Amino acid sequence: MPVYVGTSGYYYPEWVGPVYPNGTDTSAMLETYSRMFDALEINATYYRPPRKDQFVNYPERTGGDTKIVIKLHGSFTHQRDAGESEREIFIEAVQPLLDSGQFAGYLAQFPQSFQNTKEARDYIEKLKTMFPDSKLVVEFRHKSWWTGDILEFLRDLSVSMATVDLPDLPGLPPTEATFTDEPAYVRLHGRNKDGWHEGRDQRYTYNYDKTELSGILEKVRKMVFKSDSVMVLFNNHPLGNAAINATQFIDILRDALPDMLPSPKTGISGEQRQLGLF
């Protein structure tokens, strides 16, 4: 029951210094990242579908052992008008990751406006039929999805429901541990109440403190007894907080659940580990 920890995205020039060593070229970010973490969520594919050859060299560049989740394009989750050609692009693009054993599934992040209705449930069924042979994780941002019937609905579809961590605001979902299918998935956005509705960068500007990370640990503890693997992805990327918090969380896991972590990776210096609130 391994616990894989990483961040949502890795290609952030502002991470040079607080995360990547000074002088790191953008072309070396993936290699540097993969020496630090065992999981990676590719979120650029939400904004632009992948090239068919985009991930051909990822197994070599990541050492062949980083678990990688690919975020579906907005046409699958927001416009919801993706067709066969869009589906084929993703299937072909992830093939090198499938061959290397690194592909951990697709992430479908739906907007808060996507609420629990019959039409929406029908769409989830349709989306699963588009990728029948792959793991599919869905992230909902409206509280209407958090019902026992929906959990059972997703279990029957073999779809994983992401556990989210975000501010306590009207309409947003609860943050308790949830598991419906493999992999168990935790996605941490930060708890910036004031900035949540102010734009992407403001929304995710947040640095978890030790007490908050310990609370996340308790959620992971619940999941490791239900799932074959747990993936913990930090999405609070501004200022390098996602990588800093992910590193701190790995240290917490190493003390609390040492047998459930993959072999340690090196990459963040001792000085860098002290950044943040520890």
C-alpha atoms as a PDB file:
ATOM      1  CA  MET A   1       0.000   0.000   0.000  1.00  0.00           C
ATOM      2  CA  PRO A   2       2.507   2.655  -1.078  1.00  0.00           C
ATOM      3  CA  VAL A   3       1.843   6.355  -0.596  1.00  0.00           C
ATOM      4  CA  TYR A   4       3.073   8.463  -3.508  1.00  0.00           C
ATOM      5  CA  VAL A   5       3.557  12.189  -2.910  1.00  0.00           C
ATOM      6  CA  GLY A   6       4.111  14.966  -5.418  1.00  0.00           C
ATOM      7  CA  THR A   7       2.709  18.161  -6.872  1.00  0.00           C
ATOM      8  CA  SER A   8       0.325  19.332  -9.541  1.00  0.00           C
ATOM      9  CA  GLY A   9       2.734  20.478 -12.213  1.00  0.00           C
ATOM     10  CA  TYR A  10       6.494  20.916 -12.132  1.00  0.00           C
ATOM     11  CA  TYR A  11       7.253  23.536 -14.779  1.00  0.00           C
ATOM     12  CA  TYR A  12       7.284  26.717 -12.706  1.00  0.00           C
ATOM     13  CA  PRO A  13      10.165  29.158 -13.299  1.00  0.00           C
ATOM     14  CA  GLU A  14       9.433  30.781  -9.919  1.00  0.00           C
ATOM     15  CA  TRP A  15      10.452  27.496  -8.260  1.00  0.00           C
ATOM     16  CA  VAL A  16      14.084  28.133  -9.155  1.00  0.00           C
ATOM     17  CA  GLY A  17      15.570  29.071  -5.802  1.00  0.00           C
ATOM     18  CA  PRO A  18      12.896  27.976  -3.320  1.00  0.00           C
ATOM     19  CA  VAL A  19      12.615  24.480  -4.865  1.00  0.00           C
ATOM     20  CA  TYR A  20      15.042  23.905  -7.723  1.00  0.00           C
ATOM     21  CA  PRO A  21      18.709  24.835  -7.233  1.00  0.00           C
ATOM     22  CA  ASN A  22      19.648  28.311  -8.402  1.00  0.00           C
ATOM     23  CA  GLY A  23      20.604  28.263 -12.061  1.00  0.00           C
ATOM     24  CA  THR A  24      18.332  25.329 -12.971  1.00  0.00           C
ATOM     25  CA  ASP A  25      17.319  25.617 -16.620  1.00  0.00           C
ATOM     26  CA  THR A  26      13.667  25.026 -17.482  1.00  0.00           C
ATOM     27  CA  SER A  27      14.742  22.094 -19.666  1.00  0.00           C
ATOM     28  CA  ALA A  28      16.096  20.322 -16.574  1.00  0.00           C
ATOM     29  CA  MET A  29      13.079  20.850 -14.322  1.00  0.00           C
ATOM     30  CA  LEU A  30      11.472  17.459 -14.959  1.00  0.00           C
ATOM     31  CA  GLU A  31      14.667  15.565 -14.168  1.00  0.00           C
ATOM     32  CA  THR A  32      15.217  17.641 -11.040  1.00  0.00           C
ATOM     33  CA  TYR A  33      11.623  17.168  -9.929  1.00  0.00           C
ATOM     34  CA  SER A  34      11.800  13.404 -10.397  1.00  0.00           C
ATOM     35  CA  ARG A  35      14.738  13.163  -8.026  1.00  0.00           C
ATOM     36  CA  MET A  36      12.545  14.713  -5.328  1.00  0.00           C
ATOM     37  CA  PHE A  37       9.127  13.105  -5.673  1.00  0.00           C
ATOM     38  CA  ASP A  38       7.480   9.811  -6.597  1.00  0.00           C
ATOM     39  CA  ALA A  39       4.290  11.235  -8.113  1.00  0.00           C
ATOM     40  CA  LEU A  40       3.503  13.946 -10.634  1.00  0.00           C
ATOM     41  CA  GLU A  41       0.276  15.383 -11.922  1.00  0.00           C
ATOM     42  CA  ILE A  42       0.550  16.874 -15.403  1.00  0.00           C
ATOM     43  CA  ASN A  43      -1.962  19.731 -15.427  1.00  0.00           C
ATOM     44  CA  ALA A  44      -0.797  21.576 -18.566  1.00  0.00           C
ATOM     45  CA  THR A  45      -2.925  19.126 -20.573  1.00  0.00           C
ATOM     46  CA  TYR A  46      -6.027  20.770 -19.127  1.00  0.00           C
ATOM     47  CA  TYR A  47      -5.160  23.980 -20.999  1.00  0.00           C
ATOM     48  CA  ARG A  48      -3.812  22.363 -24.162  1.00  0.00           C
ATOM     49  CA  PRO A  49      -4.213  18.727 -25.257  1.00  0.00           C
ATOM     50  CA  PRO A  50      -0.926  16.812 -25.338  1.00  0.00           C
ATOM     51  CA  ARG A  51       1.035  16.300 -28.494  1.00  0.00           C
ATOM     52  CA  LYS A  52       0.940  12.676 -29.524  1.00  0.00           C
ATOM     53  CA  ASP A  53       4.663  12.370 -28.815  1.00  0.00           C
ATOM     54  CA  GLN A  54       4.749  14.587 -25.716  1.00  0.00           C
ATOM     55  CA  PHE A  55       5.576  11.875 -23.195  1.00  0.00           C
ATOM     56  CA  VAL A  56       7.852   9.689 -25.316  1.00  0.00           C
ATOM     57  CA  ASN A  57      10.981  10.674 -23.385  1.00  0.00           C
ATOM     58  CA  TYR A  58       9.364  10.947 -19.955  1.00  0.00           C
ATOM     59  CA  PRO A  59      10.338   7.440 -18.811  1.00  0.00           C
ATOM     60  CA  GLU A  60      14.004   8.183 -19.474  1.00  0.00           C
ATOM     61  CA  ARG A  61      13.863  11.689 -18.028  1.00  0.00           C
ATOM     62  CA  THR A  62      12.079  10.605 -14.836  1.00  0.00           C
ATOM     63  CA  GLY A  63      14.058   7.441 -14.204  1.00  0.00           C
ATOM     64  CA  GLY A  64      11.080   5.269 -15.102  1.00  0.00           C
ATOM     65  CA  ASP A  65       9.599   5.156 -11.608  1.00  0.00           C
ATOM     66  CA  THR A  66       7.639   8.386 -11.075  1.00  0.00           C
ATOM     67  CA  LYS A  67       3.884   7.728 -11.077  1.00  0.00           C
ATOM     68  CA  ILE A  68       2.234  10.174 -13.470  1.00  0.00           C
ATOM     69  CA  VAL A  69      -1.377  11.339 -13.646  1.00  0.00           C
ATOM     70  CA  ILE A  70      -2.572  13.201 -16.735  1.00  0.00           C
ATOM     71  CA  LYS A  71      -5.232  15.872 -16.314  1.00  0.00           C
ATOM     72  CA  LEU A  72      -7.903  15.784 -18.991  1.00  0.00           C
ATOM     73  CA  HIS A  73      -8.401  18.816 -21.188  1.00  0.00           C
ATOM     74  CA  GLY A  74     -11.141  21.303 -20.360  1.00  0.00           C
ATOM     75  CA  SER A  75     -13.162  20.021 -23.311  1.00  0.00           C
ATOM     76  CA  PHE A  76     -13.783  16.866 -21.239  1.00  0.00           C
ATOM     77  CA  THR A  77     -14.689  18.611 -17.990  1.00  0.00           C
ATOM     78  CA  HIS A  78     -15.791  22.188 -18.558  1.00  0.00           C
ATOM     79  CA  GLN A  79     -17.113  22.418 -22.117  1.00  0.00           C
ATOM     80  CA  ARG A  80     -17.875  18.660 -22.086  1.00  0.00           C
ATOM     81  CA  ASP A  81     -17.869  18.461 -25.864  1.00  0.00           C
ATOM     82  CA  ALA A  82     -14.772  16.298 -26.416  1.00  0.00           C
ATOM     83  CA  GLY A  83     -15.173  13.608 -29.022  1.00  0.00           C
ATOM     84  CA  GLU A  84     -13.328  10.656 -30.471  1.00  0.00           C
ATOM     85  CA  SER A  85     -10.431  12.686 -31.885  1.00  0.00           C
ATOM     86  CA  GLU A  86      -9.688  14.270 -28.499  1.00  0.00           C
ATOM     87  CA  ARG A  87      -9.924  10.881 -26.811  1.00  0.00           C
ATOM     88  CA  GLU A  88      -7.500   9.311 -29.282  1.00  0.00           C
ATOM     89  CA  ILE A  89      -4.941  12.078 -28.721  1.00  0.00           C
ATOM     90  CA  PHE A  90      -4.810  11.330 -25.000  1.00  0.00           C
ATOM     91  CA  ILE A  91      -4.736   7.572 -25.446  1.00  0.00           C
ATOM     92  CA  GLU A  92      -1.866   7.758 -27.911  1.00  0.00           C
ATOM     93  CA  ALA A  93       0.031  10.339 -25.851  1.00  0.00           C
ATOM     94  CA  VAL A  94       0.046   8.276 -22.638  1.00  0.00           C
ATOM     95  CA  GLN A  95       1.170   5.042 -24.321  1.00  0.00           C
ATOM     96  CA  PRO A  96       4.879   5.511 -23.408  1.00  0.00           C
ATOM     97  CA  LEU A  97       3.854   5.956 -19.762  1.00  0.00           C
ATOM     98  CA  LEU A  98       1.732   2.816 -19.961  1.00  0.00           C
ATOM     99  CA  ASP A  99       4.662   0.905 -21.418  1.00  0.00           C
ATOM    100  CA  SER A 100       6.944   2.055 -18.587  1.00  0.00           C
ATOM    101  CA  GLY A 101       4.372   1.280 -15.891  1.00  0.00           C
ATOM    102  CA  GLN A 102       4.250   4.927 -14.804  1.00  0.00           C
ATOM    103  CA  PHE A 103       0.782   5.906 -15.962  1.00  0.00           C
ATOM    104  CA  ALA A 104      -1.447   6.200 -12.878  1.00  0.00           C
ATOM    105  CA  GLY A 105      -4.607   7.415 -14.603  1.00  0.00           C
ATOM    106  CA  TYR A 106      -6.516  10.437 -15.828  1.00  0.00           C
ATOM    107  CA  LEU A 107      -7.766  13.269 -13.625  1.00  0.00           C
ATOM    108  CA  ALA A 108     -11.050  14.967 -14.511  1.00  0.00           C
ATOM    109  CA  GLN A 109     -11.410  18.199 -12.522  1.00  0.00           C
ATOM    110  CA  PHE A 110     -14.929  19.562 -12.820  1.00  0.00           C
ATOM    111  CA  PRO A 111     -15.943  23.170 -12.052  1.00  0.00           C
ATOM    112  CA  GLN A 112     -18.122  24.171  -9.111  1.00  0.00           C
ATOM    113  CA  SER A 113     -20.989  24.738 -11.546  1.00  0.00           C
ATOM    114  CA  PHE A 114     -20.997  21.000 -12.326  1.00  0.00           C
ATOM    115  CA  GLN A 115     -23.530  19.824  -9.745  1.00  0.00           C
ATOM    116  CA  ASN A 116     -25.068  16.460  -8.963  1.00  0.00           C
ATOM    117  CA  THR A 117     -27.874  16.085 -11.489  1.00  0.00           C
ATOM    118  CA  LYS A 118     -29.077  13.203 -13.648  1.00  0.00           C
ATOM    119  CA  GLU A 119     -27.471  14.837 -16.683  1.00  0.00           C
ATOM    120  CA  ALA A 120     -24.164  15.204 -14.840  1.00  0.00           C
ATOM    121  CA  ARG A 121     -24.203  11.594 -13.651  1.00  0.00           C
ATOM    122  CA  ASP A 122     -24.905  10.434 -17.188  1.00  0.00           C
ATOM    123  CA  TYR A 123     -21.880  12.409 -18.328  1.00  0.00           C
ATOM    124  CA  ILE A 124     -19.641  10.718 -15.740  1.00  0.00           C
ATOM    125  CA  GLU A 125     -20.776   7.354 -17.124  1.00  0.00           C
ATOM    126  CA  LYS A 126     -20.009   8.539 -20.645  1.00  0.00           C
ATOM    127  CA  LEU A 127     -16.558   9.766 -19.627  1.00  0.00           C
ATOM    128  CA  LYS A 128     -15.703   6.403 -18.108  1.00  0.00           C
ATOM    129  CA  THR A 129     -16.755   4.625 -21.306  1.00  0.00           C
ATOM    130  CA  MET A 130     -14.354   6.868 -23.219  1.00  0.00           C
ATOM    131  CA  PHE A 131     -11.429   5.538 -21.155  1.00  0.00           C
ATOM    132  CA  PRO A 132     -12.594   2.061 -20.124  1.00  0.00           C
ATOM    133  CA  ASP A 133      -9.141   0.567 -19.662  1.00  0.00           C
ATOM    134  CA  SER A 134      -7.607   3.377 -17.603  1.00  0.00           C
ATOM    135  CA  LYS A 135      -7.946   4.565 -14.040  1.00  0.00           C
ATOM    136  CA  LEU A 136     -10.136   7.646 -13.837  1.00  0.00           C
ATOM    137  CA  VAL A 137     -10.122  10.101 -10.926  1.00  0.00           C
ATOM    138  CA  VAL A 138     -12.864  12.709 -10.697  1.00  0.00           C
ATOM    139  CA  GLU A 139     -12.639  15.877  -8.644  1.00  0.00           C
ATOM    140  CA  PHE A 140     -15.885  17.630  -7.832  1.00  0.00           C
ATOM    141  CA  ARG A 141     -16.012  21.139  -6.432  1.00  0.00           C
ATOM    142  CA  HIS A 142     -19.645  21.264  -5.434  1.00  0.00           C
ATOM    143  CA  LYS A 143     -20.882  19.779  -2.188  1.00  0.00           C
ATOM    144  CA  SER A 144     -23.909  18.127  -3.837  1.00  0.00           C
ATOM    145  CA  TRP A 145     -21.709  15.187  -4.913  1.00  0.00           C
ATOM    146  CA  TRP A 146     -20.914  14.131  -1.352  1.00  0.00           C
ATOM    147  CA  THR A 147     -23.707  11.617  -0.756  1.00  0.00           C
ATOM    148  CA  GLY A 148     -23.752   7.902  -0.072  1.00  0.00           C
ATOM    149  CA  ASP A 149     -25.599   7.243  -3.313  1.00  0.00           C
ATOM    150  CA  ILE A 150     -22.915   9.003  -5.346  1.00  0.00           C
ATOM    151  CA  LEU A 151     -20.124   7.118  -3.617  1.00  0.00           C
ATOM    152  CA  GLU A 152     -21.850   3.860  -4.506  1.00  0.00           C
ATOM    153  CA  PHE A 153     -22.474   5.105  -8.051  1.00  0.00           C
ATOM    154  CA  LEU A 154     -18.753   5.795  -8.531  1.00  0.00           C
ATOM    155  CA  ARG A 155     -17.755   2.455  -6.995  1.00  0.00           C
ATOM    156  CA  ASP A 156     -19.999   0.671  -9.471  1.00  0.00           C
ATOM    157  CA  LEU A 157     -18.316   2.585 -12.319  1.00  0.00           C
ATOM    158  CA  SER A 158     -14.810   1.879 -10.935  1.00  0.00           C
ATOM    159  CA  VAL A 159     -14.148   5.616 -10.764  1.00  0.00           C
ATOM    160  CA  SER A 160     -12.022   7.175  -8.029  1.00  0.00           C
ATOM    161  CA  MET A 161     -13.394  10.213  -6.215  1.00  0.00           C
ATOM    162  CA  ALA A 162     -10.679  12.629  -5.130  1.00  0.00           C
ATOM    163  CA  THR A 163     -10.472  13.730  -1.530  1.00  0.00           C
ATOM    164  CA  VAL A 164     -10.020  17.487  -1.682  1.00  0.00           C
ATOM    165  CA  ASP A 165      -8.506  19.960   0.720  1.00  0.00           C
ATOM    166  CA  LEU A 166      -9.714  23.515   0.208  1.00  0.00           C
ATOM    167  CA  PRO A 167     -11.309  26.386   2.128  1.00  0.00           C
ATOM    168  CA  ASP A 168     -14.517  26.026   4.106  1.00  0.00           C
ATOM    169  CA  LEU A 169     -16.725  28.196   1.903  1.00  0.00           C
ATOM    170  CA  PRO A 170     -20.399  27.993   0.851  1.00  0.00           C
ATOM    171  CA  GLY A 171     -20.991  25.482  -1.911  1.00  0.00           C
ATOM    172  CA  LEU A 172     -17.549  23.878  -1.738  1.00  0.00           C
ATOM    173  CA  PRO A 173     -17.346  20.191  -0.794  1.00  0.00           C
ATOM    174  CA  PRO A 174     -16.363  18.707   2.560  1.00  0.00           C
ATOM    175  CA  THR A 175     -12.784  17.566   3.001  1.00  0.00           C
ATOM    176  CA  GLU A 176     -13.126  14.231   4.774  1.00  0.00           C
ATOM    177  CA  ALA A 177     -11.287  11.188   3.463  1.00  0.00           C
ATOM    178  CA  THR A 178     -13.135   9.530   0.572  1.00  0.00           C
ATOM    179  CA  PHE A 179     -12.395   6.302  -1.285  1.00  0.00           C
ATOM    180  CA  THR A 180     -14.388   4.758  -4.108  1.00  0.00           C
ATOM    181  CA  ASP A 181     -11.790   3.060  -6.335  1.00  0.00           C
ATOM    182  CA  GLU A 182      -8.092   2.846  -7.098  1.00  0.00           C
ATOM    183  CA  PRO A 183      -6.081   4.891  -6.695  1.00  0.00           C
ATOM    184  CA  ALA A 184      -7.034   6.661  -3.484  1.00  0.00           C
ATOM    185  CA  TYR A 185      -6.393  10.285  -4.365  1.00  0.00           C
ATOM    186  CA  VAL A 186      -5.826  13.370  -2.215  1.00  0.00           C
ATOM    187  CA  ARG A 187      -5.618  16.774  -3.880  1.00  0.00           C
ATOM    188  CA  LEU A 188      -4.575  19.761  -1.775  1.00  0.00           C
ATOM    189  CA  HIS A 189      -5.407  23.250  -2.988  1.00  0.00           C
ATOM    190  CA  GLY A 190      -4.698  25.267   0.149  1.00  0.00           C
ATOM    191  CA  ARG A 191      -7.162  27.040   2.427  1.00  0.00           C
ATOM    192  CA  ASN A 192      -7.004  30.590   1.177  1.00  0.00           C
ATOM    193  CA  LYS A 193     -10.545  31.792   1.876  1.00  0.00           C
ATOM    194  CA  ASP A 194      -9.861  35.387   0.920  1.00  0.00           C
ATOM    195  CA  GLY A 195      -8.230  34.528  -2.397  1.00  0.00           C
ATOM    196  CA  TRP A 196     -10.381  31.597  -3.533  1.00  0.00           C
ATOM    197  CA  HIS A 197     -12.548  33.678  -5.853  1.00  0.00           C
ATOM    198  CA  GLU A 198      -9.782  36.106  -6.892  1.00  0.00           C
ATOM    199  CA  GLY A 199      -8.130  34.153  -9.695  1.00  0.00           C
ATOM    200  CA  ARG A 200      -5.965  31.087 -10.173  1.00  0.00           C
ATOM    201  CA  ASP A 201      -2.740  32.296  -8.569  1.00  0.00           C
ATOM    202  CA  GLN A 202      -4.436  33.962  -5.605  1.00  0.00           C
ATOM    203  CA  ARG A 203      -6.676  30.933  -5.074  1.00  0.00           C
ATOM    204  CA  TYR A 204      -3.784  28.541  -4.627  1.00  0.00           C
ATOM    205  CA  THR A 205      -1.421  30.795  -2.694  1.00  0.00           C
ATOM    206  CA  TYR A 206      -1.178  28.977   0.617  1.00  0.00           C
ATOM    207  CA  ASN A 207       1.438  27.340   2.815  1.00  0.00           C
ATOM    208  CA  TYR A 208       0.258  24.487   5.045  1.00  0.00           C
ATOM    209  CA  ASP A 209       1.575  24.488   8.591  1.00  0.00           C
ATOM    210  CA  LYS A 210       2.655  21.446  10.586  1.00  0.00           C
ATOM    211  CA  THR A 211      -0.697  21.000  12.324  1.00  0.00           C
ATOM    212  CA  GLU A 212      -2.558  21.083   9.015  1.00  0.00           C
ATOM    213  CA  LEU A 213      -0.216  18.571   7.418  1.00  0.00           C
ATOM    214  CA  SER A 214      -0.660  16.289  10.413  1.00  0.00           C
ATOM    215  CA  GLY A 215      -4.396  16.455   9.773  1.00  0.00           C
ATOM    216  CA  ILE A 216      -3.798  15.330   6.185  1.00  0.00           C
ATOM    217  CA  LEU A 217      -1.804  12.408   7.567  1.00  0.00           C
ATOM    218  CA  GLU A 218      -4.869  11.193   9.455  1.00  0.00           C
ATOM    219  CA  LYS A 219      -6.846  11.120   6.224  1.00  0.00           C
ATOM    220  CA  VAL A 220      -4.103   9.135   4.518  1.00  0.00           C
ATOM    221  CA  ARG A 221      -4.072   6.674   7.424  1.00  0.00           C
ATOM    222  CA  LYS A 222      -7.729   5.911   6.738  1.00  0.00           C
ATOM    223  CA  MET A 223      -7.057   5.335   3.057  1.00  0.00           C
ATOM    224  CA  VAL A 224      -4.064   3.018   3.290  1.00  0.00           C
ATOM    225  CA  PHE A 225      -6.237   0.297   4.776  1.00  0.00           C
ATOM    226  CA  LYS A 226      -8.728   0.467   1.904  1.00  0.00           C
ATOM    227  CA  SER A 227      -6.565   1.077  -1.142  1.00  0.00           C
ATOM    228  CA  ASP A 228      -3.657  -0.574  -2.924  1.00  0.00           C
ATOM    229  CA  SER A 229      -2.037   2.845  -3.331  1.00  0.00           C
ATOM    230  CA  VAL A 230      -2.591   6.412  -2.190  1.00  0.00           C
ATOM    231  CA  MET A 231      -1.566   9.463  -4.195  1.00  0.00           C
ATOM    232  CA  VAL A 232      -1.145  12.822  -2.455  1.00  0.00           C
ATOM    233  CA  LEU A 233      -0.778  15.802  -4.795  1.00  0.00           C
ATOM    234  CA  PHE A 234      -0.232  19.388  -3.657  1.00  0.00           C
ATOM    235  CA  ASN A 235      -1.716  22.020  -5.971  1.00  0.00           C
ATOM    236  CA  ASN A 236      -0.755  25.147  -3.944  1.00  0.00           C
ATOM    237  CA  HIS A 237       1.966  25.896  -6.470  1.00  0.00           C
ATOM    238  CA  PRO A 238       2.611  29.679  -6.112  1.00  0.00           C
ATOM    239  CA  LEU A 239       5.915  30.549  -4.409  1.00  0.00           C
ATOM    240  CA  GLY A 240       6.960  26.898  -4.496  1.00  0.00           C
ATOM    241  CA  ASN A 241       4.664  26.065  -1.589  1.00  0.00           C
ATOM    242  CA  ALA A 242       3.415  22.850  -3.194  1.00  0.00           C
ATOM    243  CA  ALA A 243       6.903  21.346  -3.412  1.00  0.00           C
ATOM    244  CA  ILE A 244       7.894  22.630   0.026  1.00  0.00           C
ATOM    245  CA  ASN A 245       4.747  21.213   1.638  1.00  0.00           C
ATOM    246  CA  ALA A 246       5.088  17.929  -0.268  1.00  0.00           C
ATOM    247  CA  THR A 247       8.640  17.554   1.035  1.00  0.00           C
ATOM    248  CA  GLN A 248       7.495  18.295   4.569  1.00  0.00           C
ATOM    249  CA  PHE A 249       4.667  15.794   4.218  1.00  0.00           C
ATOM    250  CA  ILE A 250       7.073  13.094   3.058  1.00  0.00           C
ATOM    251  CA  ASP A 251       9.086  13.690   6.234  1.00  0.00           C
ATOM    252  CA  ILE A 252       5.909  13.275   8.298  1.00  0.00           C
ATOM    253  CA  LEU A 253       5.045  10.064   6.462  1.00  0.00           C
ATOM    254  CA  ARG A 254       8.552   8.733   6.938  1.00  0.00           C
ATOM    255  CA  ASP A 255       8.110   9.013  10.691  1.00  0.00           C
ATOM    256  CA  ALA A 256       4.501   7.802  10.824  1.00  0.00           C
ATOM    257  CA  LEU A 257       4.193   5.238   8.003  1.00  0.00           C
ATOM    258  CA  PRO A 258       7.748   4.376   6.960  1.00  0.00           C
ATOM    259  CA  ASP A 259       6.847   1.048   5.355  1.00  0.00           C
ATOM    260  CA  MET A 260       4.379   2.682   2.990  1.00  0.00           C
ATOM    261  CA  LEU A 261       6.740   5.103   1.266  1.00  0.00           C
ATOM    262  CA  PRO A 262       8.769   4.253  -1.829  1.00  0.00           C
ATOM    263  CA  SER A 263      12.535   4.452  -1.444  1.00  0.00           C
ATOM    264  CA  PRO A 264      13.705   7.969  -0.477  1.00  0.00           C
ATOM    265  CA  LYS A 265      14.673  10.363  -3.240  1.00  0.00           C
ATOM    266  CA  THR A 266      17.205  13.131  -3.019  1.00  0.00           C
ATOM    267  CA  GLY A 267      16.956  16.563  -4.574  1.00  0.00           C
ATOM    268  CA  ILE A 268      15.943  19.161  -2.012  1.00  0.00           C
ATOM    269  CA  SER A 269      18.782  20.327   0.182  1.00  0.00           C
ATOM    270  CA  GLY A 270      18.556  20.518   3.943  1.00  0.00           C
ATOM    271  CA  GLU A 271      18.364  24.285   3.707  1.00  0.00           C
ATOM    272  CA  GLN A 272      15.488  24.105   1.279  1.00  0.00           C
ATOM    273  CA  ARG A 273      13.642  21.647   3.535  1.00  0.00           C
ATOM    274  CA  GLN A 274      13.653  24.301   6.252  1.00  0.00           C
ATOM    275  CA  LEU A 275      11.687  26.750   4.127  1.00  0.00           C
ATOM    276  CA  GLY A 276       8.042  27.123   5.056  1.00  0.00           C
ATOM    277  CA  LEU A 277       6.637  26.769   8.521  1.00  0.00           C
ATOM    278  CA  PHE A 278       8.614  23.911  10.081  1.00  0.00           C
END
